[in-house]
């Protein structure tokens, strides 16, 4: 897992739910990071990388690298997924809905 330069976050360290440090790099999208779209899909890849996505775009130009701590600041509900095993994903239809979890089938 890659990490980003350490920088401050607006939550107490005691509220950090993940085993990974806050400065672990995660993949997100422009709509989430810049426009405040809700996070509707989270994947914890086999290699340990996190993807924090909105489900509105798969365009490369819309991809953003963000630290996991900043993603948590944008949407604290992802903290409910801190224990998501590697190789799993979680999704929901809206921020008001519960997270659903499943193992991701390996690509052939």
N, C-alpha and C. Protein backbone atom coordinates (compact mmCIF):
# COMPACT_ATOMS: atom_id res chain seq x y z
N UNK A 1 0.84 -1.18 0.00
CA UNK A 1 0.00 0.00 0.00
C UNK A 1 0.88 1.24 0.00
N UNK A 2 0.53 2.16 -0.84
CA UNK A 2 1.23 3.42 -0.88
C UNK A 2 0.66 4.34 0.19
N UNK A 3 1.52 5.27 0.63
CA UNK A 3 1.05 6.26 1.59
C UNK A 3 1.33 7.65 1.04
N UNK A 4 0.57 8.60 1.54
CA UNK A 4 0.73 10.00 1.17
C UNK A 4 1.39 10.73 2.32
N UNK A 5 1.88 11.94 2.06
CA UNK A 5 2.47 12.73 3.13
C UNK A 5 1.46 12.88 4.27
N UNK A 6 1.95 12.80 5.49
CA UNK A 6 1.09 12.96 6.65
C UNK A 6 0.61 14.40 6.72
N UNK A 7 -0.66 14.57 7.02
CA UNK A 7 -1.25 15.89 7.18
C UNK A 7 -2.40 15.77 8.18
N UNK A 8 -2.84 16.87 8.75
CA UNK A 8 -3.87 16.78 9.79
C UNK A 8 -5.25 16.45 9.23
N UNK A 9 -6.04 15.84 10.09
CA UNK A 9 -7.43 15.53 9.77
C UNK A 9 -8.31 16.10 10.87
N UNK A 10 -9.59 16.24 10.59
CA UNK A 10 -10.51 16.85 11.53
C UNK A 10 -11.32 15.83 12.32
N UNK A 11 -10.64 14.81 12.82
CA UNK A 11 -11.29 13.85 13.71
C UNK A 11 -10.25 13.40 14.73
N UNK A 12 -10.69 13.13 15.94
CA UNK A 12 -9.74 12.66 16.95
C UNK A 12 -9.17 11.30 16.58
N UNK A 13 -7.93 11.07 16.90
CA UNK A 13 -7.28 9.79 16.60
C UNK A 13 -8.06 8.63 17.20
N UNK A 14 -8.75 8.86 18.30
CA UNK A 14 -9.52 7.79 18.95
C UNK A 14 -10.72 7.36 18.12
N UNK A 15 -11.13 8.16 17.14
CA UNK A 15 -12.26 7.81 16.28
C UNK A 15 -11.84 7.06 15.02
N UNK A 16 -10.53 6.89 14.81
CA UNK A 16 -10.05 6.22 13.60
C UNK A 16 -10.36 4.74 13.67
N UNK A 17 -11.22 4.21 12.76
CA UNK A 17 -11.67 2.82 12.86
C UNK A 17 -10.82 1.80 12.09
N UNK A 18 -9.98 2.25 11.17
CA UNK A 18 -9.26 1.35 10.28
C UNK A 18 -7.97 0.84 10.90
N UNK A 19 -7.54 -0.36 10.49
CA UNK A 19 -6.22 -0.87 10.87
C UNK A 19 -5.13 -0.18 10.07
N UNK A 20 -5.45 0.24 8.84
CA UNK A 20 -4.49 0.98 8.02
C UNK A 20 -4.35 2.39 8.57
N UNK A 21 -3.18 3.00 8.40
CA UNK A 21 -3.02 4.39 8.87
C UNK A 21 -3.82 5.36 8.01
N UNK A 22 -4.15 6.53 8.56
CA UNK A 22 -4.95 7.51 7.81
C UNK A 22 -4.31 7.98 6.51
N UNK A 23 -2.98 7.92 6.41
CA UNK A 23 -2.34 8.42 5.20
C UNK A 23 -2.15 7.36 4.12
N UNK A 24 -2.83 6.22 4.25
CA UNK A 24 -2.81 5.21 3.18
C UNK A 24 -3.54 5.79 1.97
N UNK A 25 -2.95 5.65 0.81
CA UNK A 25 -3.56 6.15 -0.42
C UNK A 25 -4.77 5.30 -0.79
N UNK A 26 -5.83 5.97 -1.22
CA UNK A 26 -7.04 5.31 -1.69
C UNK A 26 -7.42 5.92 -3.03
N UNK A 27 -8.14 5.17 -3.81
CA UNK A 27 -8.64 5.67 -5.09
C UNK A 27 -10.07 6.14 -4.89
N UNK A 28 -10.38 7.30 -5.41
CA UNK A 28 -11.74 7.81 -5.34
C UNK A 28 -12.06 8.47 -6.67
N UNK A 29 -13.08 9.30 -6.67
CA UNK A 29 -13.50 9.97 -7.90
C UNK A 29 -13.65 11.47 -7.67
N UNK A 30 -13.58 12.21 -8.74
CA UNK A 30 -13.79 13.66 -8.68
C UNK A 30 -15.13 13.99 -8.05
N UNK A 31 -16.23 13.29 -8.44
CA UNK A 31 -17.51 13.62 -7.82
C UNK A 31 -17.51 13.48 -6.29
N UNK A 32 -16.82 12.47 -5.75
CA UNK A 32 -16.76 12.29 -4.30
C UNK A 32 -15.87 13.37 -3.67
N UNK A 33 -14.67 13.51 -4.19
CA UNK A 33 -13.67 14.38 -3.56
C UNK A 33 -13.98 15.86 -3.77
N UNK A 34 -14.40 16.22 -4.96
CA UNK A 34 -14.56 17.64 -5.27
C UNK A 34 -16.02 18.13 -5.23
N UNK A 35 -16.97 17.22 -5.42
CA UNK A 35 -18.37 17.64 -5.52
C UNK A 35 -19.26 17.12 -4.40
N UNK A 36 -18.70 16.36 -3.48
CA UNK A 36 -19.48 15.89 -2.35
C UNK A 36 -20.49 14.80 -2.63
N UNK A 37 -20.31 14.07 -3.73
CA UNK A 37 -21.22 12.95 -4.01
C UNK A 37 -21.07 11.90 -2.91
N UNK A 38 -22.15 11.20 -2.59
CA UNK A 38 -22.06 10.17 -1.55
C UNK A 38 -21.27 8.96 -2.01
N UNK A 39 -20.61 8.33 -1.06
CA UNK A 39 -19.90 7.09 -1.32
C UNK A 39 -20.93 5.97 -1.32
N UNK A 40 -20.98 5.24 -2.44
CA UNK A 40 -21.95 4.15 -2.58
C UNK A 40 -21.29 2.80 -2.83
N UNK A 41 -19.98 2.80 -3.08
CA UNK A 41 -19.25 1.55 -3.33
C UNK A 41 -17.86 1.67 -2.74
N UNK A 42 -17.49 0.67 -1.95
CA UNK A 42 -16.14 0.62 -1.37
C UNK A 42 -15.59 -0.77 -1.65
N UNK A 43 -14.37 -0.82 -2.16
CA UNK A 43 -13.71 -2.11 -2.35
C UNK A 43 -12.42 -2.11 -1.56
N UNK A 44 -12.09 -3.26 -1.01
CA UNK A 44 -10.81 -3.48 -0.35
C UNK A 44 -10.13 -4.56 -1.16
N UNK A 45 -9.28 -4.12 -2.07
CA UNK A 45 -8.68 -5.01 -3.06
C UNK A 45 -7.79 -6.07 -2.41
N UNK A 46 -7.53 -7.13 -3.16
CA UNK A 46 -6.67 -8.22 -2.68
C UNK A 46 -5.31 -7.73 -2.22
N UNK A 47 -4.81 -6.66 -2.86
CA UNK A 47 -3.50 -6.13 -2.50
C UNK A 47 -3.55 -5.15 -1.33
N UNK A 48 -4.74 -4.94 -0.76
CA UNK A 48 -4.90 -4.07 0.39
C UNK A 48 -5.32 -2.66 0.05
N UNK A 49 -5.37 -2.32 -1.25
CA UNK A 49 -5.78 -0.97 -1.64
C UNK A 49 -7.28 -0.79 -1.41
N UNK A 50 -7.65 0.45 -1.12
CA UNK A 50 -9.05 0.82 -0.94
C UNK A 50 -9.52 1.64 -2.11
N UNK A 51 -10.76 1.43 -2.53
CA UNK A 51 -11.43 2.27 -3.52
C UNK A 51 -12.70 2.80 -2.87
N UNK A 52 -12.83 4.12 -2.89
CA UNK A 52 -13.94 4.81 -2.25
C UNK A 52 -14.69 5.52 -3.37
N UNK A 53 -15.79 4.94 -3.85
CA UNK A 53 -16.40 5.36 -5.11
C UNK A 53 -17.86 5.77 -4.96
N UNK A 54 -18.33 6.50 -5.96
CA UNK A 54 -19.71 6.99 -5.96
C UNK A 54 -20.60 6.22 -6.93
N UNK A 55 -19.99 5.50 -7.87
CA UNK A 55 -20.77 4.75 -8.85
C UNK A 55 -21.28 5.58 -10.00
N UNK A 56 -20.85 6.84 -10.12
CA UNK A 56 -21.34 7.68 -11.22
C UNK A 56 -20.38 7.75 -12.39
N UNK A 57 -19.13 7.34 -12.20
CA UNK A 57 -18.15 7.47 -13.28
C UNK A 57 -17.07 6.41 -13.16
N UNK A 58 -16.62 5.94 -14.30
CA UNK A 58 -15.45 5.05 -14.39
C UNK A 58 -14.39 5.67 -15.29
N UNK A 59 -14.56 6.95 -15.61
CA UNK A 59 -13.63 7.64 -16.48
C UNK A 59 -12.30 7.87 -15.77
N UNK A 60 -11.21 7.54 -16.43
CA UNK A 60 -9.88 7.72 -15.86
C UNK A 60 -9.66 9.16 -15.43
N UNK A 61 -10.13 10.11 -16.24
CA UNK A 61 -9.94 11.52 -15.92
C UNK A 61 -10.64 11.93 -14.62
N UNK A 62 -11.63 11.16 -14.19
CA UNK A 62 -12.35 11.47 -12.95
C UNK A 62 -11.73 10.80 -11.72
N UNK A 63 -10.70 10.00 -11.92
CA UNK A 63 -10.06 9.33 -10.79
C UNK A 63 -9.25 10.31 -9.95
N UNK A 64 -9.26 10.10 -8.65
CA UNK A 64 -8.50 10.93 -7.72
C UNK A 64 -7.84 10.02 -6.69
N UNK A 65 -6.62 10.38 -6.30
CA UNK A 65 -5.95 9.71 -5.20
C UNK A 65 -6.17 10.56 -3.97
N UNK A 66 -6.63 9.93 -2.92
CA UNK A 66 -6.93 10.63 -1.67
C UNK A 66 -6.46 9.73 -0.53
N UNK A 67 -6.09 10.30 0.58
CA UNK A 67 -5.73 9.44 1.70
C UNK A 67 -7.01 8.91 2.34
N UNK A 68 -6.90 7.75 2.95
CA UNK A 68 -8.04 7.12 3.58
C UNK A 68 -8.63 8.02 4.67
N UNK A 69 -7.77 8.77 5.36
CA UNK A 69 -8.25 9.69 6.39
C UNK A 69 -9.13 10.79 5.81
N UNK A 70 -8.74 11.34 4.67
CA UNK A 70 -9.56 12.37 4.02
C UNK A 70 -10.87 11.77 3.51
N UNK A 71 -10.84 10.53 3.01
CA UNK A 71 -12.06 9.87 2.58
C UNK A 71 -13.00 9.67 3.77
N UNK A 72 -12.45 9.32 4.92
CA UNK A 72 -13.24 9.15 6.13
C UNK A 72 -13.85 10.49 6.56
N UNK A 73 -13.11 11.57 6.40
CA UNK A 73 -13.66 12.88 6.71
C UNK A 73 -14.83 13.24 5.79
N UNK A 74 -14.71 12.87 4.53
CA UNK A 74 -15.78 13.16 3.57
C UNK A 74 -17.04 12.36 3.85
N UNK A 75 -16.88 11.13 4.32
CA UNK A 75 -18.04 10.27 4.58
C UNK A 75 -17.69 9.31 5.72
N UNK A 76 -18.06 9.69 6.92
CA UNK A 76 -17.73 8.89 8.11
C UNK A 76 -18.35 7.50 8.08
N UNK A 77 -19.39 7.31 7.29
CA UNK A 77 -20.03 5.99 7.25
C UNK A 77 -19.11 4.91 6.70
N UNK A 78 -18.06 5.29 5.99
CA UNK A 78 -17.14 4.25 5.51
C UNK A 78 -16.41 3.59 6.68
N UNK A 79 -16.42 4.23 7.82
CA UNK A 79 -15.84 3.62 9.01
C UNK A 79 -16.52 2.31 9.38
N UNK A 80 -17.78 2.16 8.99
CA UNK A 80 -18.50 0.90 9.22
C UNK A 80 -17.87 -0.25 8.44
N UNK A 81 -17.03 0.08 7.46
CA UNK A 81 -16.42 -0.92 6.59
C UNK A 81 -14.96 -1.16 6.94
N UNK A 82 -14.50 -0.63 8.05
CA UNK A 82 -13.09 -0.75 8.42
C UNK A 82 -12.62 -2.20 8.47
N UNK A 83 -13.50 -3.11 8.83
CA UNK A 83 -13.14 -4.52 8.90
C UNK A 83 -13.40 -5.30 7.62
N UNK A 84 -13.70 -4.59 6.54
CA UNK A 84 -13.97 -5.26 5.26
C UNK A 84 -12.72 -6.05 4.84
N UNK A 85 -12.83 -7.35 4.68
CA UNK A 85 -11.64 -8.14 4.33
C UNK A 85 -11.10 -7.78 2.95
N UNK A 86 -9.83 -8.06 2.75
CA UNK A 86 -9.26 -7.90 1.41
C UNK A 86 -10.01 -8.81 0.45
N UNK A 87 -10.23 -8.28 -0.76
CA UNK A 87 -10.95 -9.06 -1.76
C UNK A 87 -12.46 -8.96 -1.62
N UNK A 88 -12.94 -8.01 -0.85
CA UNK A 88 -14.38 -7.81 -0.65
C UNK A 88 -14.78 -6.42 -1.10
N UNK A 89 -16.10 -6.26 -1.32
CA UNK A 89 -16.65 -4.96 -1.63
C UNK A 89 -17.92 -4.76 -0.82
N UNK A 90 -18.29 -3.50 -0.70
CA UNK A 90 -19.54 -3.14 -0.03
C UNK A 90 -20.22 -2.07 -0.85
N UNK A 91 -21.54 -2.10 -0.89
CA UNK A 91 -22.28 -1.12 -1.67
C UNK A 91 -23.60 -0.83 -0.97
N UNK A 92 -24.19 0.28 -1.39
CA UNK A 92 -25.52 0.68 -0.92
C UNK A 92 -26.15 1.52 -2.01
N UNK A 93 -27.46 1.62 -2.00
CA UNK A 93 -28.16 2.39 -3.03
C UNK A 93 -28.17 3.88 -2.73
N UNK A 94 -28.14 4.24 -1.46
CA UNK A 94 -28.12 5.64 -1.05
C UNK A 94 -27.48 5.73 0.32
N UNK A 95 -27.10 6.93 0.75
CA UNK A 95 -26.51 7.06 2.09
C UNK A 95 -27.46 6.63 3.22
N UNK A 96 -28.75 6.60 2.97
CA UNK A 96 -29.71 6.19 3.98
C UNK A 96 -29.84 4.67 4.08
N UNK A 97 -29.31 3.95 3.11
CA UNK A 97 -29.42 2.50 3.08
C UNK A 97 -28.25 1.83 3.78
N UNK A 98 -28.46 0.60 4.26
CA UNK A 98 -27.36 -0.13 4.89
C UNK A 98 -26.35 -0.62 3.84
N UNK A 99 -25.14 -0.86 4.31
CA UNK A 99 -24.10 -1.43 3.45
C UNK A 99 -24.37 -2.92 3.26
N UNK A 100 -24.18 -3.40 2.03
CA UNK A 100 -24.21 -4.82 1.69
C UNK A 100 -22.77 -5.21 1.38
N UNK A 101 -22.38 -6.40 1.78
CA UNK A 101 -20.99 -6.85 1.59
C UNK A 101 -20.96 -8.20 0.87
N UNK A 102 -19.91 -8.36 0.05
CA UNK A 102 -19.69 -9.66 -0.60
C UNK A 102 -18.24 -9.78 -1.03
N UNK A 103 -17.80 -11.02 -1.15
CA UNK A 103 -16.47 -11.28 -1.69
C UNK A 103 -16.51 -11.02 -3.18
N UNK A 104 -15.43 -10.46 -3.70
CA UNK A 104 -15.32 -10.18 -5.13
C UNK A 104 -14.72 -11.42 -5.79
N UNK A 105 -15.37 -11.87 -6.85
CA UNK A 105 -14.86 -13.01 -7.60
C UNK A 105 -13.53 -12.64 -8.26
N UNK A 106 -12.50 -13.47 -8.13
CA UNK A 106 -11.23 -13.16 -8.78
C UNK A 106 -11.38 -13.08 -10.29
N UNK A 107 -10.64 -12.14 -10.89
CA UNK A 107 -10.66 -12.02 -12.35
C UNK A 107 -9.79 -13.09 -12.96
N UNK A 108 -10.23 -13.62 -14.08
CA UNK A 108 -9.45 -14.66 -14.75
C UNK A 108 -8.49 -14.06 -15.74
